[in-house]
Amino acid sequence: LRDFLLVYNRMTELCFRHCVCNLNYRLLTGREESCLDSCAARLVRANHRLMGAYVGLVPALLQRRAAEHGAPAGPSALPASPDPAPGPAES
């Protein structure tokens, strides 16, 4: 979620700086609005391509790490989540 919000904030700032040049009006002009739409669409498409490539590389990375550490490859090779800490009611 944090990474998504960072990407979203960076995209918003980049497109705003690129497209909005007049802050004298409350509403966007038609030109600014179409620029923002195309800028955001371009960045979203690029992000989708990057994520697709990343998803394609993850299995190979997991197999390579498993081979280096001598553990079985696949989802079971991921570390298990730690046990929750006992609460005040537990002894």
PDB file of N, CA and C in Angstrom:
ATOM      1  N   LEU A   1       0.833  -1.189   0.000  1.00  0.00           N
ATOM      2  CA  LEU A   1       0.000   0.000   0.000  1.00  0.00           C
ATOM      3  C   LEU A   1       0.875   1.250   0.000  1.00  0.00           C
ATOM      4  N   ARG A   2       1.953   1.207   0.774  1.00  0.00           N
ATOM      5  CA  ARG A   2       2.851   2.355   0.844  1.00  0.00           C
ATOM      6  C   ARG A   2       3.467   2.637  -0.527  1.00  0.00           C
ATOM      7  N   ASP A   3       3.929   1.580  -1.199  1.00  0.00           N
ATOM      8  CA  ASP A   3       4.528   1.749  -2.524  1.00  0.00           C
ATOM      9  C   ASP A   3       3.509   2.295  -3.525  1.00  0.00           C
ATOM     10  N   PHE A   4       2.271   1.802  -3.447  1.00  0.00           N
ATOM     11  CA  PHE A   4       1.227   2.291  -4.344  1.00  0.00           C
ATOM     12  C   PHE A   4       0.997   3.781  -4.112  1.00  0.00           C
ATOM     13  N   LEU A   5       0.923   4.192  -2.846  1.00  0.00           N
ATOM     14  CA  LEU A   5       0.682   5.597  -2.543  1.00  0.00           C
ATOM     15  C   LEU A   5       1.855   6.476  -2.985  1.00  0.00           C
ATOM     16  N   LEU A   6       3.072   5.973  -2.844  1.00  0.00           N
ATOM     17  CA  LEU A   6       4.229   6.732  -3.307  1.00  0.00           C
ATOM     18  C   LEU A   6       4.192   6.923  -4.821  1.00  0.00           C
ATOM     19  N   VAL A   7       3.861   5.868  -5.555  1.00  0.00           N
ATOM     20  CA  VAL A   7       3.767   5.963  -7.016  1.00  0.00           C
ATOM     21  C   VAL A   7       2.649   6.927  -7.401  1.00  0.00           C
ATOM     22  N   TYR A   8       1.510   6.829  -6.731  1.00  0.00           N
ATOM     23  CA  TYR A   8       0.368   7.697  -7.028  1.00  0.00           C
ATOM     24  C   TYR A   8       0.727   9.155  -6.764  1.00  0.00           C
ATOM     25  N   ASN A   9       1.360   9.436  -5.624  1.00  0.00           N
ATOM     26  CA  ASN A   9       1.737  10.810  -5.297  1.00  0.00           C
ATOM     27  C   ASN A   9       2.767  11.361  -6.278  1.00  0.00           C
ATOM     28  N   ARG A  10       3.729  10.546  -6.662  1.00  0.00           N
ATOM     29  CA  ARG A  10       4.743  10.990  -7.617  1.00  0.00           C
ATOM     30  C   ARG A  10       4.107  11.268  -8.974  1.00  0.00           C
ATOM     31  N   MET A  11       3.196  10.391  -9.407  1.00  0.00           N
ATOM     32  CA  MET A  11       2.514  10.588 -10.675  1.00  0.00           C
ATOM     33  C   MET A  11       1.687  11.870 -10.639  1.00  0.00           C
ATOM     34  N   THR A  12       0.973  12.102  -9.557  1.00  0.00           N
ATOM     35  CA  THR A  12       0.140  13.292  -9.430  1.00  0.00           C
ATOM     36  C   THR A  12       0.992  14.554  -9.503  1.00  0.00           C
ATOM     37  N   GLU A  13       2.088  14.570  -8.785  1.00  0.00           N
ATOM     38  CA  GLU A  13       2.950  15.749  -8.785  1.00  0.00           C
ATOM     39  C   GLU A  13       3.580  15.982 -10.154  1.00  0.00           C
ATOM     40  N   LEU A  14       4.051  14.920 -10.787  1.00  0.00           N
ATOM     41  CA  LEU A  14       4.688  15.050 -12.097  1.00  0.00           C
ATOM     42  C   LEU A  14       3.706  15.595 -13.129  1.00  0.00           C
ATOM     43  N   CYS A  15       2.517  15.017 -13.188  1.00  0.00           N
ATOM     44  CA  CYS A  15       1.527  15.458 -14.168  1.00  0.00           C
ATOM     45  C   CYS A  15       1.042  16.869 -13.860  1.00  0.00           C
ATOM     46  N   PHE A  16       0.862  17.190 -12.593  1.00  0.00           N
ATOM     47  CA  PHE A  16       0.420  18.540 -12.227  1.00  0.00           C
ATOM     48  C   PHE A  16       1.456  19.571 -12.668  1.00  0.00           C
ATOM     49  N   ARG A  17       2.716  19.323 -12.371  1.00  0.00           N
ATOM     50  CA  ARG A  17       3.775  20.272 -12.753  1.00  0.00           C
ATOM     51  C   ARG A  17       3.894  20.401 -14.266  1.00  0.00           C
ATOM     52  N   HIS A  18       3.664  19.309 -14.968  1.00  0.00           N
ATOM     53  CA  HIS A  18       3.788  19.326 -16.427  1.00  0.00           C
ATOM     54  C   HIS A  18       2.603  20.023 -17.086  1.00  0.00           C
ATOM     55  N   CYS A  19       1.406  19.862 -16.550  1.00  0.00           N
ATOM     56  CA  CYS A  19       0.191  20.283 -17.254  1.00  0.00           C
ATOM     57  C   CYS A  19      -0.451  21.566 -16.744  1.00  0.00           C
ATOM     58  N   VAL A  20      -0.347  21.849 -15.475  1.00  0.00           N
ATOM     59  CA  VAL A  20      -1.051  23.007 -14.912  1.00  0.00           C
ATOM     60  C   VAL A  20      -0.076  24.173 -14.828  1.00  0.00           C
ATOM     61  N   CYS A  21      -0.382  25.222 -15.582  1.00  0.00           N
ATOM     62  CA  CYS A  21       0.533  26.361 -15.611  1.00  0.00           C
ATOM     63  C   CYS A  21      -0.104  27.631 -15.070  1.00  0.00           C
ATOM     64  N   ASN A  22      -1.406  27.634 -14.851  1.00  0.00           N
ATOM     65  CA  ASN A  22      -2.083  28.833 -14.387  1.00  0.00           C
ATOM     66  C   ASN A  22      -2.912  28.499 -13.157  1.00  0.00           C
ATOM     67  N   LEU A  23      -2.528  29.059 -12.017  1.00  0.00           N
ATOM     68  CA  LEU A  23      -3.243  28.785 -10.769  1.00  0.00           C
ATOM     69  C   LEU A  23      -4.223  29.904 -10.410  1.00  0.00           C
ATOM     70  N   ASN A  24      -4.572  30.749 -11.376  1.00  0.00           N
ATOM     71  CA  ASN A  24      -5.473  31.877 -11.113  1.00  0.00           C
ATOM     72  C   ASN A  24      -6.944  31.481 -11.108  1.00  0.00           C
ATOM     73  N   TYR A  25      -7.255  30.267 -11.546  1.00  0.00           N
ATOM     74  CA  TYR A  25      -8.652  29.845 -11.639  1.00  0.00           C
ATOM     75  C   TYR A  25      -8.874  28.597 -10.796  1.00  0.00           C
ATOM     76  N   ARG A  26     -10.091  28.472 -10.291  1.00  0.00           N
ATOM     77  CA  ARG A  26     -10.431  27.326  -9.443  1.00  0.00           C
ATOM     78  C   ARG A  26     -10.513  26.035 -10.249  1.00  0.00           C
ATOM     79  N   LEU A  27     -11.019  26.117 -11.469  1.00  0.00           N
ATOM     80  CA  LEU A  27     -11.207  24.933 -12.315  1.00  0.00           C
ATOM     81  C   LEU A  27     -10.095  24.837 -13.347  1.00  0.00           C
ATOM     82  N   LEU A  28      -9.875  23.619 -13.824  1.00  0.00           N
ATOM     83  CA  LEU A  28      -8.883  23.391 -14.872  1.00  0.00           C
ATOM     84  C   LEU A  28      -9.430  23.843 -16.213  1.00  0.00           C
ATOM     85  N   THR A  29      -8.549  24.284 -17.080  1.00  0.00           N
ATOM     86  CA  THR A  29      -8.966  24.576 -18.446  1.00  0.00           C
ATOM     87  C   THR A  29      -9.100  23.249 -19.195  1.00  0.00           C
ATOM     88  N   GLY A  30      -9.719  23.290 -20.345  1.00  0.00           N
ATOM     89  CA  GLY A  30      -9.864  22.081 -21.155  1.00  0.00           C
ATOM     90  C   GLY A  30      -8.520  21.517 -21.561  1.00  0.00           C
ATOM     91  N   ARG A  31      -7.595  22.397 -21.890  1.00  0.00           N
ATOM     92  CA  ARG A  31      -6.252  21.958 -22.287  1.00  0.00           C
ATOM     93  C   ARG A  31      -5.527  21.285 -21.127  1.00  0.00           C
ATOM     94  N   GLU A  32      -5.621  21.877 -19.931  1.00  0.00           N
ATOM     95  CA  GLU A  32      -4.986  21.288 -18.749  1.00  0.00           C
ATOM     96  C   GLU A  32      -5.594  19.934 -18.421  1.00  0.00           C
ATOM     97  N   GLU A  33      -6.902  19.845 -18.513  1.00  0.00           N
ATOM     98  CA  GLU A  33      -7.582  18.592 -18.203  1.00  0.00           C
ATOM     99  C   GLU A  33      -7.193  17.475 -19.167  1.00  0.00           C
ATOM    100  N   SER A  34      -7.143  17.782 -20.464  1.00  0.00           N
ATOM    101  CA  SER A  34      -6.755  16.743 -21.422  1.00  0.00           C
ATOM    102  C   SER A  34      -5.286  16.373 -21.249  1.00  0.00           C
ATOM    103  N   CYS A  35      -4.436  17.336 -20.907  1.00  0.00           N
ATOM    104  CA  CYS A  35      -3.021  17.044 -20.656  1.00  0.00           C
ATOM    105  C   CYS A  35      -2.881  16.118 -19.449  1.00  0.00           C
ATOM    106  N   LEU A  36      -3.631  16.411 -18.380  1.00  0.00           N
ATOM    107  CA  LEU A  36      -3.575  15.567 -17.180  1.00  0.00           C
ATOM    108  C   LEU A  36      -4.074  14.156 -17.471  1.00  0.00           C
ATOM    109  N   ASP A  37      -5.148  14.052 -18.251  1.00  0.00           N
ATOM    110  CA  ASP A  37      -5.676  12.727 -18.605  1.00  0.00           C
ATOM    111  C   ASP A  37      -4.652  11.908 -19.374  1.00  0.00           C
ATOM    112  N   SER A  38      -4.028  12.524 -20.369  1.00  0.00           N
ATOM    113  CA  SER A  38      -3.062  11.767 -21.172  1.00  0.00           C
ATOM    114  C   SER A  38      -1.798  11.470 -20.373  1.00  0.00           C
ATOM    115  N   CYS A  39      -1.367  12.397 -19.520  1.00  0.00           N
ATOM    116  CA  CYS A  39      -0.176  12.169 -18.692  1.00  0.00           C
ATOM    117  C   CYS A  39      -0.410  11.001 -17.731  1.00  0.00           C
ATOM    118  N   ALA A  40      -1.541  11.024 -17.040  1.00  0.00           N
ATOM    119  CA  ALA A  40      -1.850   9.952 -16.087  1.00  0.00           C
ATOM    120  C   ALA A  40      -1.999   8.613 -16.812  1.00  0.00           C
ATOM    121  N   ALA A  41      -2.670   8.615 -17.958  1.00  0.00           N
ATOM    122  CA  ALA A  41      -2.852   7.368 -18.708  1.00  0.00           C
ATOM    123  C   ALA A  41      -1.509   6.807 -19.160  1.00  0.00           C
ATOM    124  N   ARG A  42      -0.614   7.673 -19.610  1.00  0.00           N
ATOM    125  CA  ARG A  42       0.710   7.240 -20.057  1.00  0.00           C
ATOM    126  C   ARG A  42       1.490   6.615 -18.906  1.00  0.00           C
ATOM    127  N   LEU A  43       1.455   7.244 -17.735  1.00  0.00           N
ATOM    128  CA  LEU A  43       2.186   6.720 -16.589  1.00  0.00           C
ATOM    129  C   LEU A  43       1.565   5.428 -16.054  1.00  0.00           C
ATOM    130  N   VAL A  44       0.248   5.315 -16.095  1.00  0.00           N
ATOM    131  CA  VAL A  44      -0.415   4.086 -15.654  1.00  0.00           C
ATOM    132  C   VAL A  44      -0.058   2.933 -16.587  1.00  0.00           C
ATOM    133  N   ARG A  45      -0.053   3.183 -17.899  1.00  0.00           N
ATOM    134  CA  ARG A  45       0.339   2.130 -18.858  1.00  0.00           C
ATOM    135  C   ARG A  45       1.781   1.695 -18.627  1.00  0.00           C
ATOM    136  N   ALA A  46       2.661   2.655 -18.390  1.00  0.00           N
ATOM    137  CA  ALA A  46       4.066   2.318 -18.132  1.00  0.00           C
ATOM    138  C   ALA A  46       4.192   1.495 -16.852  1.00  0.00           C
ATOM    139  N   ASN A  47       3.432   1.868 -15.825  1.00  0.00           N
ATOM    140  CA  ASN A  47       3.466   1.119 -14.565  1.00  0.00           C
ATOM    141  C   ASN A  47       2.949  -0.302 -14.761  1.00  0.00           C
ATOM    142  N   HIS A  48       1.911  -0.469 -15.553  1.00  0.00           N
ATOM    143  CA  HIS A  48       1.378  -1.812 -15.824  1.00  0.00           C
ATOM    144  C   HIS A  48       2.402  -2.671 -16.562  1.00  0.00           C
ATOM    145  N   ARG A  49       3.124  -2.083 -17.518  1.00  0.00           N
ATOM    146  CA  ARG A  49       4.157  -2.835 -18.230  1.00  0.00           C
ATOM    147  C   ARG A  49       5.274  -3.242 -17.280  1.00  0.00           C
ATOM    148  N   LEU A  50       5.685  -2.326 -16.407  1.00  0.00           N
ATOM    149  CA  LEU A  50       6.739  -2.651 -15.442  1.00  0.00           C
ATOM    150  C   LEU A  50       6.298  -3.754 -14.491  1.00  0.00           C
ATOM    151  N   MET A  51       5.072  -3.672 -14.003  1.00  0.00           N
ATOM    152  CA  MET A  51       4.581  -4.694 -13.074  1.00  0.00           C
ATOM    153  C   MET A  51       4.441  -6.039 -13.772  1.00  0.00           C
ATOM    154  N   GLY A  52       4.046  -6.036 -15.041  1.00  0.00           N
ATOM    155  CA  GLY A  52       3.969  -7.281 -15.797  1.00  0.00           C
ATOM    156  C   GLY A  52       5.336  -7.931 -15.936  1.00  0.00           C
ATOM    157  N   ALA A  53       6.355  -7.126 -16.216  1.00  0.00           N
ATOM    158  CA  ALA A  53       7.714  -7.661 -16.320  1.00  0.00           C
ATOM    159  C   ALA A  53       8.182  -8.172 -14.961  1.00  0.00           C
ATOM    160  N   TYR A  54       7.869  -7.454 -13.897  1.00  0.00           N
ATOM    161  CA  TYR A  54       8.259  -7.859 -12.548  1.00  0.00           C
ATOM    162  C   TYR A  54       7.617  -9.195 -12.181  1.00  0.00           C
ATOM    163  N   VAL A  55       6.335  -9.335 -12.460  1.00  0.00           N
ATOM    164  CA  VAL A  55       5.626 -10.580 -12.152  1.00  0.00           C
ATOM    165  C   VAL A  55       6.227 -11.740 -12.951  1.00  0.00           C
ATOM    166  N   GLY A  56       6.674 -11.466 -14.157  1.00  0.00           N
ATOM    167  CA  GLY A  56       7.300 -12.506 -14.961  1.00  0.00           C
ATOM    168  C   GLY A  56       8.670 -12.925 -14.433  1.00  0.00           C
ATOM    169  N   LEU A  57       9.363 -12.025 -13.753  1.00  0.00           N
ATOM    170  CA  LEU A  57      10.703 -12.320 -13.240  1.00  0.00           C
ATOM    171  C   LEU A  57      10.710 -12.941 -11.846  1.00  0.00           C
ATOM    172  N   VAL A  58       9.655 -12.768 -11.071  1.00  0.00           N
ATOM    173  CA  VAL A  58       9.631 -13.245  -9.689  1.00  0.00           C
ATOM    174  C   VAL A  58       9.866 -14.748  -9.569  1.00  0.00           C
ATOM    175  N   PRO A  59       9.211 -15.613 -10.355  1.00  0.00           N
ATOM    176  CA  PRO A  59       9.473 -17.060 -10.208  1.00  0.00           C
ATOM    177  C   PRO A  59      10.942 -17.422 -10.427  1.00  0.00           C
ATOM    178  N   ALA A  60      11.574 -16.806 -11.417  1.00  0.00           N
ATOM    179  CA  ALA A  60      12.993 -17.103 -11.669  1.00  0.00           C
ATOM    180  C   ALA A  60      13.863 -16.642 -10.503  1.00  0.00           C
ATOM    181  N   LEU A  61      13.541 -15.481  -9.932  1.00  0.00           N
ATOM    182  CA  LEU A  61      14.299 -14.987  -8.773  1.00  0.00           C
ATOM    183  C   LEU A  61      14.137 -15.907  -7.570  1.00  0.00           C
ATOM    184  N   LEU A  62      12.911 -16.372  -7.341  1.00  0.00           N
ATOM    185  CA  LEU A  62      12.668 -17.284  -6.222  1.00  0.00           C
ATOM    186  C   LEU A  62      13.434 -18.597  -6.411  1.00  0.00           C
ATOM    187  N   GLN A  63      13.438 -19.113  -7.629  1.00  0.00           N
ATOM    188  CA  GLN A  63      14.168 -20.356  -7.891  1.00  0.00           C
ATOM    189  C   GLN A  63      15.669 -20.164  -7.694  1.00  0.00           C
ATOM    190  N   ARG A  64      16.198 -19.039  -8.138  1.00  0.00           N
ATOM    191  CA  ARG A  64      17.627 -18.780  -7.988  1.00  0.00           C
ATOM    192  C   ARG A  64      18.010 -18.649  -6.511  1.00  0.00           C
ATOM    193  N   ARG A  65      17.197 -17.936  -5.748  1.00  0.00           N
ATOM    194  CA  ARG A  65      17.469 -17.802  -4.308  1.00  0.00           C
ATOM    195  C   ARG A  65      17.365 -19.144  -3.603  1.00  0.00           C
ATOM    196  N   ALA A  66      16.376 -19.932  -3.997  1.00  0.00           N
ATOM    197  CA  ALA A  66      16.213 -21.246  -3.388  1.00  0.00           C
ATOM    198  C   ALA A  66      17.410 -22.134  -3.700  1.00  0.00           C
ATOM    199  N   ALA A  67      17.909 -22.062  -4.922  1.00  0.00           N
ATOM    200  CA  ALA A  67      19.070 -22.868  -5.302  1.00  0.00           C
ATOM    201  C   ALA A  67      20.312 -22.420  -4.537  1.00  0.00           C
ATOM    202  N   GLU A  68      20.448 -21.125  -4.318  1.00  0.00           N
ATOM    203  CA  GLU A  68      21.604 -20.612  -3.575  1.00  0.00           C
ATOM    204  C   GLU A  68      21.575 -21.041  -2.110  1.00  0.00           C
ATOM    205  N   HIS A  69      20.386 -21.117  -1.550  1.00  0.00           N
ATOM    206  CA  HIS A  69      20.254 -21.452  -0.137  1.00  0.00           C
ATOM    207  C   HIS A  69      19.922 -22.917   0.104  1.00  0.00           C
ATOM    208  N   GLY A  70      19.730 -23.680  -0.952  1.00  0.00           N
ATOM    209  CA  GLY A  70      19.453 -25.099  -0.823  1.00  0.00           C
ATOM    210  C   GLY A  70      18.051 -25.411  -0.334  1.00  0.00           C
ATOM    211  N   ALA A  71      17.137 -24.467  -0.469  1.00  0.00           N
ATOM    212  CA  ALA A  71      15.753 -24.675  -0.037  1.00  0.00           C
ATOM    213  C   ALA A  71      14.899 -24.991  -1.260  1.00  0.00           C
ATOM    214  N   PRO A  72      13.734 -25.620  -1.054  1.00  0.00           N
ATOM    215  CA  PRO A  72      12.853 -25.902  -2.188  1.00  0.00           C
ATOM    216  C   PRO A  72      12.299 -24.615  -2.774  1.00  0.00           C
ATOM    217  N   ALA A  73      12.109 -24.565  -4.095  1.00  0.00           N
ATOM    218  CA  ALA A  73      11.584 -23.379  -4.765  1.00  0.00           C
ATOM    219  C   ALA A  73      10.070 -23.367  -4.687  1.00  0.00           C
ATOM    220  N   GLY A  74       9.475 -22.196  -4.888  1.00  0.00           N
ATOM    221  CA  GLY A  74       8.034 -22.064  -4.912  1.00  0.00           C
ATOM    222  C   GLY A  74       7.533 -21.262  -3.732  1.00  0.00           C
ATOM    223  N   PRO A  75       6.203 -21.139  -3.633  1.00  0.00           N
ATOM    224  CA  PRO A  75       5.618 -20.332  -2.574  1.00  0.00           C
ATOM    225  C   PRO A  75       5.957 -20.849  -1.176  1.00  0.00           C
ATOM    226  N   SER A  76       6.174 -22.153  -1.037  1.00  0.00           N
ATOM    227  CA  SER A  76       6.507 -22.685   0.287  1.00  0.00           C
ATOM    228  C   SER A  76       7.909 -22.277   0.718  1.00  0.00           C
ATOM    229  N   ALA A  77       8.719 -21.763  -0.208  1.00  0.00           N
ATOM    230  CA  ALA A  77      10.078 -21.339   0.122  1.00  0.00           C
ATOM    231  C   ALA A  77      10.101 -19.980   0.797  1.00  0.00           C
ATOM    232  N   LEU A  78       8.973 -19.269   0.745  1.00  0.00           N
ATOM    233  CA  LEU A  78       8.921 -17.973   1.394  1.00  0.00           C
ATOM    234  C   LEU A  78       8.931 -18.156   2.906  1.00  0.00           C
ATOM    235  N   PRO A  79       9.542 -17.243   3.642  1.00  0.00           N
ATOM    236  CA  PRO A  79       9.580 -17.388   5.094  1.00  0.00           C
ATOM    237  C   PRO A  79       8.185 -17.279   5.686  1.00  0.00           C
ATOM    238  N   ALA A  80       7.961 -18.048   6.733  1.00  0.00           N
ATOM    239  CA  ALA A  80       6.663 -18.027   7.402  1.00  0.00           C
ATOM    240  C   ALA A  80       6.548 -16.759   8.214  1.00  0.00           C
ATOM    241  N   SER A  81       5.302 -16.302   8.404  1.00  0.00           N
ATOM    242  CA  SER A  81       5.107 -15.092   9.205  1.00  0.00           C
ATOM    243  C   SER A  81       5.404 -15.416  10.660  1.00  0.00           C
ATOM    244  N   PRO A  82       5.991 -14.474  11.387  1.00  0.00           N
ATOM    245  CA  PRO A  82       6.329 -14.728  12.784  1.00  0.00           C
ATOM    246  C   PRO A  82       5.079 -14.891  13.629  1.00  0.00           C
ATOM    247  N   ASP A  83       5.215 -15.634  14.724  1.00  0.00           N
ATOM    248  CA  ASP A  83       4.084 -15.813  15.634  1.00  0.00           C
ATOM    249  C   ASP A  83       3.778 -14.490  16.299  1.00  0.00           C
ATOM    250  N   PRO A  84       2.481 -14.204  16.527  1.00  0.00           N
ATOM    251  CA  PRO A  84       2.141 -12.945  17.174  1.00  0.00           C
ATOM    252  C   PRO A  84       2.633 -12.959  18.629  1.00  0.00           C
ATOM    253  N   ALA A  85       2.972 -11.785  19.102  1.00  0.00           N
ATOM    254  CA  ALA A  85       3.424 -11.662  20.483  1.00  0.00           C
ATOM    255  C   ALA A  85       2.254 -11.895  21.419  1.00  0.00           C
ATOM    256  N   PRO A  86       2.479 -12.547  22.534  1.00  0.00           N
ATOM    257  CA  PRO A  86       1.367 -12.774  23.459  1.00  0.00           C
ATOM    258  C   PRO A  86       0.836 -11.460  23.986  1.00  0.00           C
ATOM    259  N   GLY A  87      -0.477 -11.407  24.106  1.00  0.00           N
ATOM    260  CA  GLY A  87      -1.142 -10.206  24.621  1.00  0.00           C
ATOM    261  C   GLY A  87      -1.135 -10.193  26.132  1.00  0.00           C
ATOM    262  N   PRO A  88      -1.698  -9.149  26.743  1.00  0.00           N
ATOM    263  CA  PRO A  88      -1.704  -9.041  28.194  1.00  0.00           C
ATOM    264  C   PRO A  88      -2.524 -10.138  28.874  1.00  0.00           C
ATOM    265  N   ALA A  89      -3.533 -10.707  28.175  1.00  0.00           N
ATOM    266  CA  ALA A  89      -4.370 -11.729  28.778  1.00  0.00           C
ATOM    267  C   ALA A  89      -3.696 -13.099  28.754  1.00  0.00           C
ATOM    268  N   GLU A  90      -2.677 -13.264  27.849  1.00  0.00           N
ATOM    269  CA  GLU A  90      -2.025 -14.560  27.724  1.00  0.00           C
ATOM    270  C   GLU A  90      -0.820 -14.629  28.655  1.00  0.00           C
ATOM    271  N   SER A  91      -0.556 -15.811  29.172  1.00  0.00           N
ATOM    272  CA  SER A  91       0.597 -15.987  30.045  1.00  0.00           C
ATOM    273  C   SER A  91       1.573 -16.966  29.472  1.00  0.00           C
TER     274      SER A  91
END
